[in-house]
């Protein structure tokens, strides 16, 4: 389920930012993580749970491969 939740937004610009080599350490990387976490929290807070549940159900009955 978490994979489907993230899959809905992974292509949005806020989740596709390039992290420059100079930002890979220390405070800058931590800030990037905070920014993406907040974007994900905002997305989840605005999620239409009923619509997501319906889409999840459709995927569950139509996907041929099941993982555990």
PDB file of N, CA and C in Angstrom:
ATOM      1  N   UNK A   1       0.819  -1.181   0.000  1.00  0.00           N
ATOM      2  CA  UNK A   1       0.000   0.000   0.000  1.00  0.00           C
ATOM      3  C   UNK A   1       0.871   1.256   0.000  1.00  0.00           C
ATOM      4  N   UNK A   2       1.933   1.238   0.778  1.00  0.00           N
ATOM      5  CA  UNK A   2       2.828   2.403   0.817  1.00  0.00           C
ATOM      6  C   UNK A   2       3.432   2.665  -0.555  1.00  0.00           C
ATOM      7  N   UNK A   3       3.757   1.595  -1.267  1.00  0.00           N
ATOM      8  CA  UNK A   3       4.314   1.755  -2.616  1.00  0.00           C
ATOM      9  C   UNK A   3       3.318   2.458  -3.525  1.00  0.00           C
ATOM     10  N   UNK A   4       2.058   2.122  -3.416  1.00  0.00           N
ATOM     11  CA  UNK A   4       1.023   2.766  -4.237  1.00  0.00           C
ATOM     12  C   UNK A   4       0.841   4.226  -3.822  1.00  0.00           C
ATOM     13  N   UNK A   5       0.907   4.511  -2.524  1.00  0.00           N
ATOM     14  CA  UNK A   5       0.778   5.891  -2.054  1.00  0.00           C
ATOM     15  C   UNK A   5       1.904   6.762  -2.602  1.00  0.00           C
ATOM     16  N   UNK A   6       3.107   6.257  -2.552  1.00  0.00           N
ATOM     17  CA  UNK A   6       4.258   7.011  -3.046  1.00  0.00           C
ATOM     18  C   UNK A   6       4.243   7.060  -4.569  1.00  0.00           C
ATOM     19  N   UNK A   7       3.793   5.994  -5.192  1.00  0.00           N
ATOM     20  CA  UNK A   7       3.761   5.927  -6.646  1.00  0.00           C
ATOM     21  C   UNK A   7       2.913   7.013  -7.278  1.00  0.00           C
ATOM     22  N   UNK A   8       1.928   7.497  -6.537  1.00  0.00           N
ATOM     23  CA  UNK A   8       1.068   8.552  -7.067  1.00  0.00           C
ATOM     24  C   UNK A   8       1.804   9.873  -7.251  1.00  0.00           C
ATOM     25  N   UNK A   9       2.821  10.115  -6.464  1.00  0.00           N
ATOM     26  CA  UNK A   9       3.453  11.437  -6.490  1.00  0.00           C
ATOM     27  C   UNK A   9       4.910  11.433  -6.937  1.00  0.00           C
ATOM     28  N   UNK A  10       5.473  10.280  -7.161  1.00  0.00           N
ATOM     29  CA  UNK A  10       6.912  10.180  -7.403  1.00  0.00           C
ATOM     30  C   UNK A  10       7.362  10.969  -8.637  1.00  0.00           C
ATOM     31  N   UNK A  11       6.486  11.190  -9.577  1.00  0.00           N
ATOM     32  CA  UNK A  11       6.858  11.933 -10.792  1.00  0.00           C
ATOM     33  C   UNK A  11       6.669  13.437 -10.651  1.00  0.00           C
ATOM     34  N   UNK A  12       6.100  13.896  -9.551  1.00  0.00           N
ATOM     35  CA  UNK A  12       5.909  15.335  -9.358  1.00  0.00           C
ATOM     36  C   UNK A  12       7.251  16.011  -9.084  1.00  0.00           C
ATOM     37  N   UNK A  13       7.371  17.258  -9.510  1.00  0.00           N
ATOM     38  CA  UNK A  13       8.631  18.001  -9.403  1.00  0.00           C
ATOM     39  C   UNK A  13       9.194  18.009  -7.977  1.00  0.00           C
ATOM     40  N   UNK A  14       8.352  18.152  -6.990  1.00  0.00           N
ATOM     41  CA  UNK A  14       8.820  18.222  -5.622  1.00  0.00           C
ATOM     42  C   UNK A  14       9.545  16.975  -5.145  1.00  0.00           C
ATOM     43  N   UNK A  15       9.311  15.874  -5.826  1.00  0.00           N
ATOM     44  CA  UNK A  15       9.953  14.612  -5.456  1.00  0.00           C
ATOM     45  C   UNK A  15      11.055  14.219  -6.436  1.00  0.00           C
ATOM     46  N   UNK A  16      11.291  15.032  -7.441  1.00  0.00           N
ATOM     47  CA  UNK A  16      12.252  14.699  -8.490  1.00  0.00           C
ATOM     48  C   UNK A  16      13.419  15.679  -8.544  1.00  0.00           C
ATOM     49  N   UNK A  17      13.632  16.429  -7.500  1.00  0.00           N
ATOM     50  CA  UNK A  17      14.716  17.410  -7.495  1.00  0.00           C
ATOM     51  C   UNK A  17      16.079  16.727  -7.523  1.00  0.00           C
ATOM     52  N   UNK A  18      16.984  17.326  -8.252  1.00  0.00           N
ATOM     53  CA  UNK A  18      18.365  16.838  -8.289  1.00  0.00           C
ATOM     54  C   UNK A  18      19.089  17.393  -7.074  1.00  0.00           C
ATOM     55  N   UNK A  19      19.801  16.529  -6.389  1.00  0.00           N
ATOM     56  CA  UNK A  19      20.615  16.965  -5.256  1.00  0.00           C
ATOM     57  C   UNK A  19      22.044  17.096  -5.761  1.00  0.00           C
ATOM     58  N   UNK A  20      22.563  18.297  -5.681  1.00  0.00           N
ATOM     59  CA  UNK A  20      23.914  18.565  -6.160  1.00  0.00           C
ATOM     60  C   UNK A  20      24.948  17.913  -5.253  1.00  0.00           C
ATOM     61  N   UNK A  21      26.103  17.542  -5.807  1.00  0.00           N
ATOM     62  CA  UNK A  21      27.141  16.895  -4.992  1.00  0.00           C
ATOM     63  C   UNK A  21      27.496  17.673  -3.727  1.00  0.00           C
ATOM     64  N   UNK A  22      27.507  18.980  -3.802  1.00  0.00           N
ATOM     65  CA  UNK A  22      27.827  19.795  -2.637  1.00  0.00           C
ATOM     66  C   UNK A  22      26.770  19.759  -1.548  1.00  0.00           C
ATOM     67  N   UNK A  23      25.582  19.243  -1.889  1.00  0.00           N
ATOM     68  CA  UNK A  23      24.474  19.170  -0.927  1.00  0.00           C
ATOM     69  C   UNK A  23      24.314  17.782  -0.324  1.00  0.00           C
ATOM     70  N   UNK A  24      25.255  16.893  -0.601  1.00  0.00           N
ATOM     71  CA  UNK A  24      25.107  15.509  -0.147  1.00  0.00           C
ATOM     72  C   UNK A  24      25.533  15.262   1.295  1.00  0.00           C
ATOM     73  N   UNK A  25      25.931  16.278   1.966  1.00  0.00           N
ATOM     74  CA  UNK A  25      26.352  16.069   3.341  1.00  0.00           C
ATOM     75  C   UNK A  25      25.795  17.125   4.263  1.00  0.00           C
ATOM     76  N   UNK A  26      25.811  16.818   5.522  1.00  0.00           N
ATOM     77  CA  UNK A  26      25.488  17.783   6.550  1.00  0.00           C
ATOM     78  C   UNK A  26      24.103  18.383   6.460  1.00  0.00           C
ATOM     79  N   UNK A  27      24.051  19.661   6.802  1.00  0.00           N
ATOM     80  CA  UNK A  27      22.787  20.379   6.935  1.00  0.00           C
ATOM     81  C   UNK A  27      21.994  20.441   5.627  1.00  0.00           C
ATOM     82  N   UNK A  28      22.670  20.605   4.515  1.00  0.00           N
ATOM     83  CA  UNK A  28      21.953  20.744   3.228  1.00  0.00           C
ATOM     84  C   UNK A  28      21.174  19.484   2.888  1.00  0.00           C
ATOM     85  N   UNK A  29      21.786  18.324   3.068  1.00  0.00           N
ATOM     86  CA  UNK A  29      21.077  17.079   2.779  1.00  0.00           C
ATOM     87  C   UNK A  29      19.920  16.892   3.757  1.00  0.00           C
ATOM     88  N   UNK A  30      20.141  17.203   5.012  1.00  0.00           N
ATOM     89  CA  UNK A  30      19.065  17.110   5.997  1.00  0.00           C
ATOM     90  C   UNK A  30      17.896  18.002   5.606  1.00  0.00           C
ATOM     91  N   UNK A  31      18.185  19.182   5.085  1.00  0.00           N
ATOM     92  CA  UNK A  31      17.116  20.083   4.668  1.00  0.00           C
ATOM     93  C   UNK A  31      16.357  19.526   3.472  1.00  0.00           C
ATOM     94  N   UNK A  32      17.058  18.914   2.532  1.00  0.00           N
ATOM     95  CA  UNK A  32      16.380  18.273   1.397  1.00  0.00           C
ATOM     96  C   UNK A  32      15.437  17.184   1.903  1.00  0.00           C
ATOM     97  N   UNK A  33      15.902  16.396   2.853  1.00  0.00           N
ATOM     98  CA  UNK A  33      15.060  15.330   3.420  1.00  0.00           C
ATOM     99  C   UNK A  33      13.832  15.942   4.095  1.00  0.00           C
ATOM    100  N   UNK A  34      14.024  17.001   4.850  1.00  0.00           N
ATOM    101  CA  UNK A  34      12.889  17.675   5.501  1.00  0.00           C
ATOM    102  C   UNK A  34      11.883  18.181   4.473  1.00  0.00           C
ATOM    103  N   UNK A  35      12.389  18.786   3.397  1.00  0.00           N
ATOM    104  CA  UNK A  35      11.507  19.334   2.364  1.00  0.00           C
ATOM    105  C   UNK A  35      10.676  18.241   1.697  1.00  0.00           C
ATOM    106  N   UNK A  36      11.320  17.144   1.350  1.00  0.00           N
ATOM    107  CA  UNK A  36      10.602  16.051   0.687  1.00  0.00           C
ATOM    108  C   UNK A  36       9.632  15.393   1.658  1.00  0.00           C
ATOM    109  N   UNK A  37      10.051  15.223   2.905  1.00  0.00           N
ATOM    110  CA  UNK A  37       9.141  14.658   3.911  1.00  0.00           C
ATOM    111  C   UNK A  37       7.902  15.526   4.038  1.00  0.00           C
ATOM    112  N   UNK A  38       8.071  16.840   4.091  1.00  0.00           N
ATOM    113  CA  UNK A  38       6.924  17.727   4.227  1.00  0.00           C
ATOM    114  C   UNK A  38       6.019  17.659   2.997  1.00  0.00           C
ATOM    115  N   UNK A  39       6.614  17.587   1.824  1.00  0.00           N
ATOM    116  CA  UNK A  39       5.816  17.460   0.601  1.00  0.00           C
ATOM    117  C   UNK A  39       5.004  16.173   0.627  1.00  0.00           C
ATOM    118  N   UNK A  40       5.599  15.103   1.124  1.00  0.00           N
ATOM    119  CA  UNK A  40       4.883  13.828   1.213  1.00  0.00           C
ATOM    120  C   UNK A  40       3.774  13.902   2.254  1.00  0.00           C
ATOM    121  N   UNK A  41       4.048  14.506   3.390  1.00  0.00           N
ATOM    122  CA  UNK A  41       3.021  14.689   4.429  1.00  0.00           C
ATOM    123  C   UNK A  41       1.857  15.508   3.875  1.00  0.00           C
ATOM    124  N   UNK A  42       2.169  16.580   3.167  1.00  0.00           N
ATOM    125  CA  UNK A  42       1.125  17.420   2.574  1.00  0.00           C
ATOM    126  C   UNK A  42       0.292  16.628   1.576  1.00  0.00           C
ATOM    127  N   UNK A  43       0.954  15.832   0.757  1.00  0.00           N
ATOM    128  CA  UNK A  43       0.234  15.007  -0.209  1.00  0.00           C
ATOM    129  C   UNK A  43      -0.708  14.035   0.508  1.00  0.00           C
ATOM    130  N   UNK A  44      -0.198  13.359   1.510  1.00  0.00           N
ATOM    131  CA  UNK A  44      -1.005  12.372   2.222  1.00  0.00           C
ATOM    132  C   UNK A  44      -2.158  13.028   2.976  1.00  0.00           C
ATOM    133  N   UNK A  45      -1.940  14.215   3.499  1.00  0.00           N
ATOM    134  CA  UNK A  45      -3.002  14.921   4.218  1.00  0.00           C
ATOM    135  C   UNK A  45      -4.160  15.295   3.290  1.00  0.00           C
ATOM    136  N   UNK A  46      -3.852  15.538   2.034  1.00  0.00           N
ATOM    137  CA  UNK A  46      -4.888  15.912   1.077  1.00  0.00           C
ATOM    138  C   UNK A  46      -5.441  14.751   0.267  1.00  0.00           C
ATOM    139  N   UNK A  47      -5.008  13.549   0.581  1.00  0.00           N
ATOM    140  CA  UNK A  47      -5.398  12.366  -0.179  1.00  0.00           C
ATOM    141  C   UNK A  47      -6.885  12.072  -0.031  1.00  0.00           C
ATOM    142  N   UNK A  48      -7.541  11.814  -1.128  1.00  0.00           N
ATOM    143  CA  UNK A  48      -8.931  11.337  -1.103  1.00  0.00           C
ATOM    144  C   UNK A  48      -8.863   9.842  -0.793  1.00  0.00           C
ATOM    145  N   UNK A  49      -9.065   9.498   0.469  1.00  0.00           N
ATOM    146  CA  UNK A  49      -8.876   8.129   0.935  1.00  0.00           C
ATOM    147  C   UNK A  49      -9.823   7.165   0.237  1.00  0.00           C
ATOM    148  N   UNK A  50     -11.059   7.553   0.040  1.00  0.00           N
ATOM    149  CA  UNK A  50     -12.019   6.662  -0.608  1.00  0.00           C
ATOM    150  C   UNK A  50     -11.623   6.377  -2.058  1.00  0.00           C
ATOM    151  N   UNK A  51     -11.202   7.415  -2.777  1.00  0.00           N
ATOM    152  CA  UNK A  51     -10.774   7.218  -4.162  1.00  0.00           C
ATOM    153  C   UNK A  51      -9.519   6.354  -4.215  1.00  0.00           C
ATOM    154  N   UNK A  52      -8.603   6.586  -3.291  1.00  0.00           N
ATOM    155  CA  UNK A  52      -7.387   5.772  -3.252  1.00  0.00           C
ATOM    156  C   UNK A  52      -7.727   4.320  -2.955  1.00  0.00           C
ATOM    157  N   UNK A  53      -8.637   4.087  -2.013  1.00  0.00           N
ATOM    158  CA  UNK A  53      -9.034   2.716  -1.665  1.00  0.00           C
ATOM    159  C   UNK A  53      -9.665   2.018  -2.864  1.00  0.00           C
ATOM    160  N   UNK A  54     -10.460   2.728  -3.624  1.00  0.00           N
ATOM    161  CA  UNK A  54     -11.069   2.139  -4.821  1.00  0.00           C
ATOM    162  C   UNK A  54     -10.008   1.780  -5.848  1.00  0.00           C
ATOM    163  N   UNK A  55      -9.048   2.671  -6.057  1.00  0.00           N
ATOM    164  CA  UNK A  55      -7.963   2.398  -6.998  1.00  0.00           C
ATOM    165  C   UNK A  55      -7.116   1.229  -6.518  1.00  0.00           C
ATOM    166  N   UNK A  56      -6.877   1.148  -5.239  1.00  0.00           N
ATOM    167  CA  UNK A  56      -6.117   0.043  -4.659  1.00  0.00           C
ATOM    168  C   UNK A  56      -6.853  -1.276  -4.861  1.00  0.00           C
ATOM    169  N   UNK A  57      -8.155  -1.251  -4.681  1.00  0.00           N
ATOM    170  CA  UNK A  57      -8.959  -2.455  -4.896  1.00  0.00           C
ATOM    171  C   UNK A  57      -8.894  -2.897  -6.352  1.00  0.00           C
ATOM    172  N   UNK A  58      -9.043  -1.934  -7.266  1.00  0.00           N
ATOM    173  CA  UNK A  58      -8.972  -2.278  -8.696  1.00  0.00           C
ATOM    174  C   UNK A  58      -7.621  -2.891  -9.032  1.00  0.00           C
ATOM    175  N   UNK A  59      -6.555  -2.322  -8.495  1.00  0.00           N
ATOM    176  CA  UNK A  59      -5.212  -2.857  -8.753  1.00  0.00           C
ATOM    177  C   UNK A  59      -5.071  -4.251  -8.164  1.00  0.00           C
ATOM    178  N   UNK A  60      -5.607  -4.469  -6.989  1.00  0.00           N
ATOM    179  CA  UNK A  60      -5.475  -5.769  -6.327  1.00  0.00           C
ATOM    180  C   UNK A  60      -6.163  -6.881  -7.102  1.00  0.00           C
ATOM    181  N   UNK A  61      -7.288  -6.587  -7.724  1.00  0.00           N
ATOM    182  CA  UNK A  61      -8.004  -7.634  -8.455  1.00  0.00           C
ATOM    183  C   UNK A  61      -7.542  -7.771  -9.895  1.00  0.00           C
ATOM    184  N   UNK A  62      -6.789  -6.790 -10.399  1.00  0.00           N
ATOM    185  CA  UNK A  62      -6.382  -6.864 -11.797  1.00  0.00           C
ATOM    186  C   UNK A  62      -4.910  -7.219 -11.994  1.00  0.00           C
ATOM    187  N   UNK A  63      -4.074  -6.984 -11.000  1.00  0.00           N
ATOM    188  CA  UNK A  63      -2.656  -7.294 -11.161  1.00  0.00           C
ATOM    189  C   UNK A  63      -2.451  -8.799 -11.106  1.00  0.00           C
ATOM    190  N   UNK A  64      -1.621  -9.287 -12.003  1.00  0.00           N
ATOM    191  CA  UNK A  64      -1.408 -10.716 -12.108  1.00  0.00           C
ATOM    192  C   UNK A  64      -0.353 -11.231 -11.139  1.00  0.00           C
ATOM    193  N   UNK A  65       0.570 -10.357 -10.739  1.00  0.00           N
ATOM    194  CA  UNK A  65       1.627 -10.774  -9.836  1.00  0.00           C
ATOM    195  C   UNK A  65       1.303 -10.297  -8.433  1.00  0.00           C
ATOM    196  N   UNK A  66       1.486 -11.177  -7.489  1.00  0.00           N
ATOM    197  CA  UNK A  66       1.249 -10.840  -6.093  1.00  0.00           C
ATOM    198  C   UNK A  66       2.547 -11.005  -5.336  1.00  0.00           C
ATOM    199  N   UNK A  67       2.813 -10.064  -4.448  1.00  0.00           N
ATOM    200  CA  UNK A  67       4.003 -10.171  -3.620  1.00  0.00           C
ATOM    201  C   UNK A  67       3.572 -10.217  -2.158  1.00  0.00           C
ATOM    202  N   UNK A  68       4.430 -10.806  -1.354  1.00  0.00           N
ATOM    203  CA  UNK A  68       4.103 -10.884   0.072  1.00  0.00           C
ATOM    204  C   UNK A  68       5.164 -10.189   0.868  1.00  0.00           C
TER     205      UNK A  68
END
